[in-house]
Amino acid sequence: MLLARLYLNAKVYTGTAQWEKCKTYCDKVINSGAYSLAPNYRQNFSANNDGKHSPEMIFAWEQDGINTQGFIGTTFLIESSSDSKYIRAEDYHGLTSNTNWNGNRARIDFMNILVDTLKTYGGNPIPDDDVEFSQSKDNRVFLKMKSSMNIPSSSSSGDYGIGVYKFTAKNADGSQAANYNTAYASTDFPIFRLADAYLMRAEALFNMNQAAAAVADVNVIRERAFGNTDGNITVGDLTAKFLLDERAREFYYEGQRRTDLVRFGQFTDGDYLWQWKGGTYKGSKTSSHLNIFPIPGDEVAANSNIKQNPNY
């Protein structure tokens, strides 16, 4: 999986595309028979998402309420996305100590990408100020609207934006975790799961002009998401934008969005301007040098052979 992901991003960082190699290593994972998609998408983000319980998990950062305590990892994701009014950690996640930190919000731009698939809440206005999107046909939707979808300043928290409750400290069936703790989640954070192999291969196939095969891989993921073939796409639906959006729908809050936006040319420039991108309310383009992180100053100072990345 690591090699597949490196080859997926090869063109951005080396100038040479490696789509065939990306496909080759995705094939190895998919055809190994060692993994299968979890029938329930939520299984991957619940306390019992370890390899023993989730057939989809390939590699994850282990979290355990008893043995790996700390306010980081999935505990942070859960608590920073929770608040006492809209998404209570006590009700949604079973955490009852030091709860509801608030402040971690998705923007309206992401909500539209995720739920536009459903043709239900894809645009403005949302029916009221307290909507939970669990009525959707796409079982990947774990959003709850706050009093305003729009975030009035770049530092706003409180009743603004979209609440996300994708990760939970409970088991997938709603029961308590085996190593339950009132303050710390036992939910592992996925680094590689099988769904990524399918969507990486789909992207590689798309760029190799094998659209029909790419659609087949995308539909494997969407059939799990919808529970049937209602969400299936055809070759005519498959575009670069669709692939980017589908990755957002499948992998949101899993730490992949920045890399995906860079690869599709949408992180600093492009036409995807999310709210407060570039420090402006409506979003604005930023300098392309931000596509690459700076090298830590201590490393540059310690080795004269290391040259800082441009414009840092």
Protein backbone atom coordinates (compact mmCIF):
# COMPACT_ATOMS: atom_id res chain seq x y z
CA MET A 1 0.00 0.00 0.00
CA LEU A 2 2.81 2.39 0.77
CA LEU A 3 4.39 1.81 -2.63
CA ALA A 4 1.02 2.19 -4.33
CA ARG A 5 0.49 5.53 -2.63
CA LEU A 6 3.98 6.73 -3.53
CA TYR A 7 3.44 5.82 -7.18
CA LEU A 8 -0.01 7.47 -7.08
CA ASN A 9 1.65 10.79 -6.24
CA ALA A 10 4.81 10.31 -8.30
CA LYS A 11 3.96 12.77 -11.07
CA VAL A 12 3.44 15.67 -8.66
CA TYR A 13 6.79 15.30 -6.92
CA THR A 14 9.04 13.78 -9.62
CA GLY A 15 7.42 14.95 -12.84
CA THR A 16 7.01 11.36 -14.07
CA ALA A 17 3.70 9.51 -13.78
CA GLN A 18 3.81 5.96 -12.42
CA TRP A 19 0.19 4.86 -12.91
CA GLU A 20 1.06 1.35 -14.05
CA LYS A 21 3.19 0.74 -10.97
CA CYS A 22 0.44 2.14 -8.76
CA LYS A 23 -1.99 -0.32 -10.31
CA THR A 24 0.47 -3.20 -9.91
CA TYR A 25 0.78 -2.75 -6.17
CA CYS A 26 -2.94 -2.17 -5.71
CA ASP A 27 -3.50 -5.44 -7.57
CA LYS A 28 -1.24 -7.22 -5.10
CA VAL A 29 -3.30 -6.03 -2.15
CA ILE A 30 -6.73 -6.56 -3.70
CA ASN A 31 -5.89 -9.97 -5.17
CA SER A 32 -4.15 -11.24 -2.02
CA GLY A 33 -7.46 -12.31 -0.49
CA ALA A 34 -6.19 -11.15 2.89
CA TYR A 35 -8.68 -8.27 3.13
CA SER A 36 -12.29 -7.49 2.28
CA LEU A 37 -14.50 -4.43 2.62
CA ALA A 38 -16.28 -4.22 5.94
CA PRO A 39 -20.01 -4.54 5.17
CA ASN A 40 -20.68 -1.64 7.54
CA TYR A 41 -18.64 1.49 6.68
CA ARG A 42 -18.86 2.66 10.32
CA GLN A 43 -16.96 -0.46 11.41
CA ASN A 44 -13.76 1.20 10.21
CA PHE A 45 -14.17 4.13 12.61
CA SER A 46 -15.52 2.41 15.72
CA ALA A 47 -13.78 1.02 18.78
CA ASN A 48 -13.80 -2.52 17.36
CA ASN A 49 -12.10 -1.56 14.09
CA ASP A 50 -8.94 -3.55 14.73
CA GLY A 51 -7.80 -6.21 12.28
CA LYS A 52 -9.52 -8.95 14.27
CA HIS A 53 -12.93 -7.32 13.83
CA SER A 54 -12.59 -5.28 10.64
CA PRO A 55 -11.53 -7.24 7.53
CA GLU A 56 -10.79 -3.98 5.73
CA MET A 57 -8.07 -2.64 8.01
CA ILE A 58 -4.56 -3.12 6.62
CA PHE A 59 -2.57 -0.84 8.92
CA ALA A 60 -3.69 1.51 11.68
CA TRP A 61 -2.36 3.56 14.58
CA GLU A 62 -3.47 1.69 17.67
CA GLN A 63 -5.57 3.50 20.23
CA ASP A 64 -6.64 1.89 23.50
CA GLY A 65 -8.60 3.48 26.33
CA ILE A 66 -6.57 1.62 28.95
CA ASN A 67 -3.10 1.10 27.49
CA THR A 68 -2.52 4.09 25.17
CA GLN A 69 -4.13 6.95 27.03
CA GLY A 70 -3.78 10.51 25.83
CA PHE A 71 -5.81 13.37 24.42
CA ILE A 72 -4.53 12.81 20.91
CA GLY A 73 -5.40 10.55 17.99
CA THR A 74 -9.03 9.52 17.70
CA THR A 75 -9.80 10.88 21.18
CA PHE A 76 -8.90 14.33 19.85
CA LEU A 77 -10.93 13.83 16.65
CA ILE A 78 -13.99 12.76 18.62
CA GLU A 79 -13.83 15.36 21.39
CA SER A 80 -12.82 18.34 19.24
CA SER A 81 -15.75 17.58 16.94
CA SER A 82 -18.19 17.24 19.85
CA ASP A 83 -20.04 19.96 21.74
CA SER A 84 -22.65 20.07 24.44
CA LYS A 85 -25.49 21.12 22.12
CA TYR A 86 -25.24 19.43 18.71
CA ILE A 87 -22.95 16.41 19.00
CA ARG A 88 -22.57 15.41 22.62
CA ALA A 89 -19.70 13.01 23.24
CA GLU A 90 -21.75 11.45 26.02
CA ASP A 91 -24.59 10.55 23.64
CA TYR A 92 -22.83 9.85 20.35
CA HIS A 93 -19.59 8.33 21.59
CA GLY A 94 -19.94 7.17 25.20
CA LEU A 95 -17.18 9.42 26.51
CA THR A 96 -18.19 11.15 29.74
CA SER A 97 -15.00 12.73 31.16
CA ASN A 98 -13.44 15.97 29.89
CA THR A 99 -15.86 16.10 26.98
CA ASN A 100 -17.14 18.32 24.16
CA TRP A 101 -14.13 20.47 23.36
CA ASN A 102 -15.76 22.06 20.32
CA GLY A 103 -13.96 23.95 17.53
CA ASN A 104 -13.29 21.25 14.89
CA ARG A 105 -15.73 21.98 12.05
CA ALA A 106 -16.16 21.02 8.42
CA ARG A 107 -16.97 23.81 5.98
CA ILE A 108 -20.05 24.06 3.80
CA ASP A 109 -17.86 23.26 0.78
CA PHE A 110 -17.17 19.78 2.09
CA MET A 111 -20.79 19.19 3.07
CA ASN A 112 -21.84 19.89 -0.50
CA ILE A 113 -19.25 17.44 -1.87
CA LEU A 114 -20.41 14.70 0.46
CA VAL A 115 -24.16 15.01 0.31
CA ASP A 116 -24.52 16.23 -3.28
CA THR A 117 -24.23 12.54 -4.15
CA LEU A 118 -27.67 12.10 -2.65
CA LYS A 119 -29.31 14.96 -4.56
CA THR A 120 -30.98 15.73 -1.22
CA TYR A 121 -29.05 18.43 0.62
CA GLY A 122 -26.56 19.35 -2.09
CA GLY A 123 -27.21 23.10 -2.05
CA ASN A 124 -28.53 26.00 -0.03
CA PRO A 125 -30.60 26.43 1.96
CA ILE A 126 -30.64 23.55 4.41
CA PRO A 127 -34.18 23.03 5.77
CA ASP A 128 -33.41 24.10 9.35
CA ASP A 129 -30.53 24.77 11.70
CA ASP A 130 -30.26 21.37 13.33
CA VAL A 131 -30.11 18.71 10.62
CA GLU A 132 -28.49 15.33 11.08
CA PHE A 133 -27.68 13.83 7.71
CA SER A 134 -28.26 10.26 8.84
CA GLN A 135 -31.36 10.05 6.64
CA SER A 136 -29.14 9.90 3.56
CA LYS A 137 -28.81 6.88 1.29
CA ASP A 138 -25.03 7.16 1.39
CA ASN A 139 -24.00 5.39 4.60
CA ARG A 140 -20.76 7.37 4.75
CA VAL A 141 -22.56 10.53 5.85
CA PHE A 142 -21.89 11.39 9.52
CA LEU A 143 -22.60 15.11 9.57
CA LYS A 144 -24.77 17.36 11.69
CA MET A 145 -25.44 20.95 10.78
CA LYS A 146 -25.01 23.66 13.37
CA SER A 147 -26.92 26.95 13.52
CA SER A 148 -25.07 28.27 10.47
CA MET A 149 -23.22 26.36 7.78
CA ASN A 150 -21.07 29.41 7.07
CA ILE A 151 -18.09 30.19 9.30
CA PRO A 152 -18.01 33.98 9.83
CA SER A 153 -14.31 34.27 10.67
CA SER A 154 -11.25 32.09 10.27
CA SER A 155 -11.10 31.55 14.05
CA SER A 156 -14.82 30.92 14.71
CA SER A 157 -16.04 27.93 16.69
CA GLY A 158 -19.30 27.52 18.54
CA ASP A 159 -22.49 27.13 16.52
CA TYR A 160 -20.92 27.46 13.07
CA GLY A 161 -19.94 25.04 10.35
CA ILE A 162 -20.75 21.35 9.97
CA GLY A 163 -20.25 18.91 12.84
CA VAL A 164 -18.62 15.59 11.96
CA TYR A 165 -19.08 12.44 14.01
CA LYS A 166 -17.46 9.87 11.70
CA PHE A 167 -15.24 8.45 14.44
CA THR A 168 -16.84 7.08 17.61
CA ALA A 169 -15.54 5.60 20.85
CA LYS A 170 -18.33 3.01 20.79
CA ASN A 171 -18.35 -0.28 18.92
CA ALA A 172 -20.05 -0.35 15.53
CA ASP A 173 -23.23 -1.79 17.07
CA GLY A 174 -23.39 1.01 19.66
CA SER A 175 -22.07 -1.06 22.58
CA GLN A 176 -19.16 0.03 24.77
CA ALA A 177 -15.58 -0.73 23.78
CA ALA A 178 -13.83 -3.73 25.29
CA ASN A 179 -11.22 -1.46 26.90
CA TYR A 180 -13.73 1.24 27.72
CA ASN A 181 -12.51 4.41 29.38
CA THR A 182 -14.64 7.45 30.12
CA ALA A 183 -12.02 9.87 28.72
CA TYR A 184 -10.00 8.03 26.05
CA ALA A 185 -11.16 6.32 22.86
CA SER A 186 -10.11 2.79 21.91
CA THR A 187 -10.71 3.48 18.21
CA ASP A 188 -7.70 2.86 15.97
CA PHE A 189 -6.87 5.46 13.32
CA PRO A 190 -6.74 3.90 9.83
CA ILE A 191 -3.63 4.52 7.75
CA PHE A 192 -4.30 1.95 5.03
CA ARG A 193 -7.58 0.19 4.39
CA LEU A 194 -8.76 -1.83 1.42
CA ALA A 195 -11.09 0.87 0.07
CA ASP A 196 -8.01 2.96 -0.68
CA ALA A 197 -6.53 0.22 -2.84
CA TYR A 198 -9.70 0.20 -4.97
CA LEU A 199 -9.84 3.99 -5.36
CA MET A 200 -6.11 4.32 -6.01
CA ARG A 201 -6.39 1.66 -8.69
CA ALA A 202 -9.44 3.41 -10.15
CA GLU A 203 -7.48 6.65 -10.42
CA ALA A 204 -4.54 4.88 -12.01
CA LEU A 205 -6.82 3.14 -14.52
CA PHE A 206 -8.57 6.43 -15.32
CA ASN A 207 -5.21 8.03 -16.12
CA MET A 208 -4.30 5.00 -18.23
CA ASN A 209 -7.48 5.51 -20.31
CA GLN A 210 -9.13 2.38 -18.94
CA ALA A 211 -12.34 4.05 -17.82
CA ALA A 212 -14.55 0.94 -17.73
CA ALA A 213 -12.21 -0.85 -15.35
CA ALA A 214 -11.91 2.30 -13.24
CA VAL A 215 -15.71 2.55 -12.97
CA ALA A 216 -15.89 -1.06 -11.79
CA ASP A 217 -13.52 -0.28 -8.91
CA VAL A 218 -15.41 2.89 -7.97
CA ASN A 219 -18.69 1.01 -7.93
CA VAL A 220 -17.29 -1.60 -5.54
CA ILE A 221 -16.87 1.22 -3.03
CA ARG A 222 -20.18 2.89 -3.79
CA GLU A 223 -22.18 -0.32 -3.49
CA ARG A 224 -20.87 -0.68 0.07
CA ALA A 225 -21.70 2.99 0.74
CA PHE A 226 -25.27 2.78 -0.60
CA GLY A 227 -25.99 -0.82 0.32
CA ASN A 228 -27.09 -1.54 -3.26
CA THR A 229 -26.44 -0.37 -6.82
CA ASP A 230 -28.42 2.89 -6.52
CA GLY A 231 -25.23 4.92 -6.30
CA ASN A 232 -23.39 3.19 -9.13
CA ILE A 233 -21.86 5.35 -11.84
CA THR A 234 -21.20 4.85 -15.54
CA VAL A 235 -18.23 5.71 -17.72
CA GLY A 236 -19.95 8.98 -18.61
CA ASP A 237 -19.92 10.03 -14.94
CA LEU A 238 -16.21 9.43 -14.43
CA THR A 239 -14.08 12.56 -14.43
CA ALA A 240 -11.02 13.73 -12.53
CA LYS A 241 -13.29 15.91 -10.37
CA PHE A 242 -15.54 12.94 -9.60
CA LEU A 243 -12.54 10.87 -8.46
CA LEU A 244 -11.33 13.68 -6.21
CA ASP A 245 -14.80 14.14 -4.74
CA GLU A 246 -15.28 10.40 -4.25
CA ARG A 247 -12.05 10.24 -2.29
CA ALA A 248 -13.38 13.09 -0.13
CA ARG A 249 -16.60 11.17 0.50
CA GLU A 250 -14.77 7.96 1.39
CA PHE A 251 -11.72 9.25 3.30
CA TYR A 252 -12.76 12.48 5.01
CA TYR A 253 -11.13 12.95 8.41
CA GLU A 254 -8.54 10.27 7.56
CA GLY A 255 -5.68 12.67 6.74
CA GLN A 256 -5.67 12.24 2.96
CA ARG A 257 -7.36 15.40 1.71
CA ARG A 258 -4.32 17.68 1.46
CA THR A 259 -2.32 15.15 -0.57
CA ASP A 260 -5.31 14.51 -2.83
CA LEU A 261 -5.86 18.21 -3.46
CA VAL A 262 -2.19 18.69 -4.31
CA ARG A 263 -2.26 15.75 -6.73
CA PHE A 264 -5.36 17.09 -8.52
CA GLY A 265 -3.98 20.64 -8.69
CA GLN A 266 -6.59 22.07 -6.30
CA PHE A 267 -4.69 22.76 -3.07
CA THR A 268 -3.14 26.15 -3.84
CA ASP A 269 -4.66 26.99 -7.22
CA GLY A 270 -7.37 25.33 -9.31
CA ASP A 271 -11.07 26.25 -9.10
CA TYR A 272 -11.86 24.64 -5.73
CA LEU A 273 -12.01 27.61 -3.35
CA TRP A 274 -13.23 26.54 0.06
CA GLN A 275 -14.33 29.02 2.69
CA TRP A 276 -11.34 30.82 4.21
CA LYS A 277 -8.82 29.29 1.80
CA GLY A 278 -6.09 31.90 1.48
CA GLY A 279 -7.52 33.79 4.46
CA THR A 280 -10.56 35.14 2.61
CA TYR A 281 -14.22 34.36 3.31
CA LYS A 282 -15.02 33.19 -0.22
CA GLY A 283 -11.65 31.52 -0.64
CA SER A 284 -8.75 32.54 -2.86
CA LYS A 285 -5.77 30.95 -4.57
CA THR A 286 -2.50 30.77 -2.69
CA SER A 287 1.16 30.45 -3.64
CA SER A 288 2.05 27.13 -5.27
CA HIS A 289 5.15 26.79 -3.08
CA LEU A 290 2.76 25.72 -0.28
CA ASN A 291 2.17 22.42 -2.09
CA ILE A 292 5.42 21.25 -0.47
CA PHE A 293 6.16 21.59 3.23
CA PRO A 294 9.28 23.43 4.43
CA ILE A 295 12.24 21.41 5.69
CA PRO A 296 12.55 21.93 9.46
CA GLY A 297 14.94 24.76 10.24
CA ASP A 298 17.03 22.65 12.62
CA GLU A 299 17.73 20.16 9.82
CA VAL A 300 18.80 22.89 7.42
CA ALA A 301 21.03 24.50 10.06
CA ALA A 302 22.68 21.18 10.95
CA ASN A 303 23.60 20.17 7.40
CA SER A 304 24.89 22.66 4.84
CA ASN A 305 24.08 20.19 2.05
CA ILE A 306 20.36 20.55 2.72
CA LYS A 307 18.74 23.40 0.83
CA GLN A 308 15.44 24.79 2.02
CA ASN A 309 12.48 24.37 -0.29
CA PRO A 310 11.80 27.48 -2.42
CA ASN A 311 10.08 30.52 -0.89
CA TYR A 312 10.40 29.35 2.72
